[in-house]
């Protein structure tokens, strides 16, 4: 997966949406990596559907079928935008201390 910093947040890692196509082509061609999809964690406290839609659009541009997005608080919304991998740790394990 390629991690996208979908909210352009300083405290998060990942590449900018604007650099995705160039980065994807570079790692696919120069390093022959088997990239299967894109991943993101949207900004906390904001409407995640906007970011999930952006990720779905990026997925179509790169022709990558897998989308890892959504966490315990927004995984149902992520599924509406074609998420294929979700993270629901706190739903299962409980909130962190």
C-alpha atoms as a PDB file:
ATOM      1  CA  UNK A   1       0.000   0.000   0.000  1.00  0.00           C
ATOM      2  CA  UNK A   2       0.999   3.579  -0.575  1.00  0.00           C
ATOM      3  CA  UNK A   3       0.111   5.810   2.354  1.00  0.00           C
ATOM      4  CA  UNK A   4      -1.494   9.085   1.317  1.00  0.00           C
ATOM      5  CA  UNK A   5      -1.462  12.057   3.676  1.00  0.00           C
ATOM      6  CA  UNK A   6      -5.001  12.820   2.559  1.00  0.00           C
ATOM      7  CA  UNK A   7      -5.499  15.738   4.950  1.00  0.00           C
ATOM      8  CA  UNK A   8      -2.047  17.272   4.383  1.00  0.00           C
ATOM      9  CA  UNK A   9      -1.377  17.083   8.118  1.00  0.00           C
ATOM     10  CA  UNK A  10       2.105  17.871   9.423  1.00  0.00           C
ATOM     11  CA  UNK A  11       1.920  15.223  12.151  1.00  0.00           C
ATOM     12  CA  UNK A  12       1.142  12.399   9.700  1.00  0.00           C
ATOM     13  CA  UNK A  13       3.322  10.555   7.238  1.00  0.00           C
ATOM     14  CA  UNK A  14       2.466   9.625   3.689  1.00  0.00           C
ATOM     15  CA  UNK A  15       2.785  11.290   0.348  1.00  0.00           C
ATOM     16  CA  UNK A  16       0.771  14.186  -0.980  1.00  0.00           C
ATOM     17  CA  UNK A  17      -2.045  13.483  -3.413  1.00  0.00           C
ATOM     18  CA  UNK A  18      -0.255  15.714  -5.900  1.00  0.00           C
ATOM     19  CA  UNK A  19       2.813  13.442  -5.892  1.00  0.00           C
ATOM     20  CA  UNK A  20       0.981  10.130  -6.096  1.00  0.00           C
ATOM     21  CA  UNK A  21       1.184   9.338  -9.797  1.00  0.00           C
ATOM     22  CA  UNK A  22       4.871  10.216 -10.069  1.00  0.00           C
ATOM     23  CA  UNK A  23       5.700   8.278  -6.879  1.00  0.00           C
ATOM     24  CA  UNK A  24       3.649   5.246  -7.922  1.00  0.00           C
ATOM     25  CA  UNK A  25       5.274   5.053 -11.349  1.00  0.00           C
ATOM     26  CA  UNK A  26       8.756   5.429  -9.837  1.00  0.00           C
ATOM     27  CA  UNK A  27       8.406   2.656  -7.264  1.00  0.00           C
ATOM     28  CA  UNK A  28       6.579   0.363  -9.659  1.00  0.00           C
ATOM     29  CA  UNK A  29       9.085   0.762 -12.489  1.00  0.00           C
ATOM     30  CA  UNK A  30      12.391   1.358 -10.691  1.00  0.00           C
ATOM     31  CA  UNK A  31      11.912  -0.973  -7.725  1.00  0.00           C
ATOM     32  CA  UNK A  32       9.400  -3.443  -9.174  1.00  0.00           C
ATOM     33  CA  UNK A  33       7.325  -3.342  -5.990  1.00  0.00           C
ATOM     34  CA  UNK A  34       3.948  -5.038  -6.021  1.00  0.00           C
ATOM     35  CA  UNK A  35       1.683  -2.206  -4.916  1.00  0.00           C
ATOM     36  CA  UNK A  36      -1.889  -3.384  -4.426  1.00  0.00           C
ATOM     37  CA  UNK A  37      -3.602  -0.272  -3.117  1.00  0.00           C
ATOM     38  CA  UNK A  38      -3.723   3.011  -1.243  1.00  0.00           C
ATOM     39  CA  UNK A  39      -4.216   3.761   2.436  1.00  0.00           C
ATOM     40  CA  UNK A  40      -5.063   6.797   4.541  1.00  0.00           C
ATOM     41  CA  UNK A  41      -6.169   7.996   7.940  1.00  0.00           C
ATOM     42  CA  UNK A  42      -8.347  11.086   7.526  1.00  0.00           C
ATOM     43  CA  UNK A  43      -8.032  14.066   9.868  1.00  0.00           C
ATOM     44  CA  UNK A  44      -9.570  13.516  13.279  1.00  0.00           C
ATOM     45  CA  UNK A  45     -12.765  15.429  13.976  1.00  0.00           C
ATOM     46  CA  UNK A  46     -13.570  16.204  10.339  1.00  0.00           C
ATOM     47  CA  UNK A  47     -16.097  14.659   7.962  1.00  0.00           C
ATOM     48  CA  UNK A  48     -14.241  11.606   6.685  1.00  0.00           C
ATOM     49  CA  UNK A  49     -16.516  11.100   3.669  1.00  0.00           C
ATOM     50  CA  UNK A  50     -14.779  13.944   1.785  1.00  0.00           C
ATOM     51  CA  UNK A  51     -11.403  12.248   2.261  1.00  0.00           C
ATOM     52  CA  UNK A  52     -12.745   8.793   1.441  1.00  0.00           C
ATOM     53  CA  UNK A  53     -14.142  10.123  -1.839  1.00  0.00           C
ATOM     54  CA  UNK A  54     -10.756  11.639  -2.670  1.00  0.00           C
ATOM     55  CA  UNK A  55      -9.121   8.268  -2.006  1.00  0.00           C
ATOM     56  CA  UNK A  56     -11.638   6.476  -4.205  1.00  0.00           C
ATOM     57  CA  UNK A  57     -10.824   8.925  -7.022  1.00  0.00           C
ATOM     58  CA  UNK A  58      -7.074   8.370  -6.532  1.00  0.00           C
ATOM     59  CA  UNK A  59      -7.639   4.627  -6.629  1.00  0.00           C
ATOM     60  CA  UNK A  60      -9.300   4.942 -10.018  1.00  0.00           C
ATOM     61  CA  UNK A  61      -6.472   7.150 -11.363  1.00  0.00           C
ATOM     62  CA  UNK A  62      -3.836   4.590 -10.390  1.00  0.00           C
ATOM     63  CA  UNK A  63      -5.968   1.562 -11.248  1.00  0.00           C
ATOM     64  CA  UNK A  64      -5.272   0.119  -7.791  1.00  0.00           C
ATOM     65  CA  UNK A  65      -8.201  -1.901  -6.441  1.00  0.00           C
ATOM     66  CA  UNK A  66      -7.496  -2.044  -2.720  1.00  0.00           C
ATOM     67  CA  UNK A  67      -8.300   0.817  -0.353  1.00  0.00           C
ATOM     68  CA  UNK A  68      -7.285   0.699   3.304  1.00  0.00           C
ATOM     69  CA  UNK A  69      -9.236   3.402   5.070  1.00  0.00           C
ATOM     70  CA  UNK A  70     -11.590   3.660   7.967  1.00  0.00           C
ATOM     71  CA  UNK A  71     -11.144   3.005  11.650  1.00  0.00           C
ATOM     72  CA  UNK A  72     -13.512   2.041  14.458  1.00  0.00           C
ATOM     73  CA  UNK A  73     -15.309   5.395  14.378  1.00  0.00           C
ATOM     74  CA  UNK A  74     -15.744   5.692  10.606  1.00  0.00           C
ATOM     75  CA  UNK A  75     -15.391   2.250   9.041  1.00  0.00           C
ATOM     76  CA  UNK A  76     -19.047   2.111   7.951  1.00  0.00           C
ATOM     77  CA  UNK A  77     -18.566   5.366   6.051  1.00  0.00           C
ATOM     78  CA  UNK A  78     -15.337   4.011   4.531  1.00  0.00           C
ATOM     79  CA  UNK A  79     -17.176   0.956   3.243  1.00  0.00           C
ATOM     80  CA  UNK A  80     -19.553   3.256   1.342  1.00  0.00           C
ATOM     81  CA  UNK A  81     -16.499   4.529  -0.553  1.00  0.00           C
ATOM     82  CA  UNK A  82     -15.187   1.090  -1.530  1.00  0.00           C
ATOM     83  CA  UNK A  83     -12.797   0.414   1.378  1.00  0.00           C
ATOM     84  CA  UNK A  84     -11.487  -3.139   1.163  1.00  0.00           C
ATOM     85  CA  UNK A  85      -9.351  -3.039   4.330  1.00  0.00           C
ATOM     86  CA  UNK A  86     -10.536  -1.417   7.573  1.00  0.00           C
ATOM     87  CA  UNK A  87      -8.983  -1.007  11.033  1.00  0.00           C
ATOM     88  CA  UNK A  88     -11.320  -1.646  13.928  1.00  0.00           C
ATOM     89  CA  UNK A  89      -8.906  -2.302  16.798  1.00  0.00           C
ATOM     90  CA  UNK A  90     -10.613  -0.174  19.431  1.00  0.00           C
ATOM     91  CA  UNK A  91     -14.012  -1.714  18.580  1.00  0.00           C
ATOM     92  CA  UNK A  92     -12.517  -5.098  19.397  1.00  0.00           C
ATOM     93  CA  UNK A  93      -9.892  -4.295  22.047  1.00  0.00           C
ATOM     94  CA  UNK A  94     -11.410  -1.186  23.624  1.00  0.00           C
ATOM     95  CA  UNK A  95     -10.117   2.357  23.838  1.00  0.00           C
ATOM     96  CA  UNK A  96      -6.455   3.003  24.605  1.00  0.00           C
ATOM     97  CA  UNK A  97      -5.480   4.362  27.999  1.00  0.00           C
END
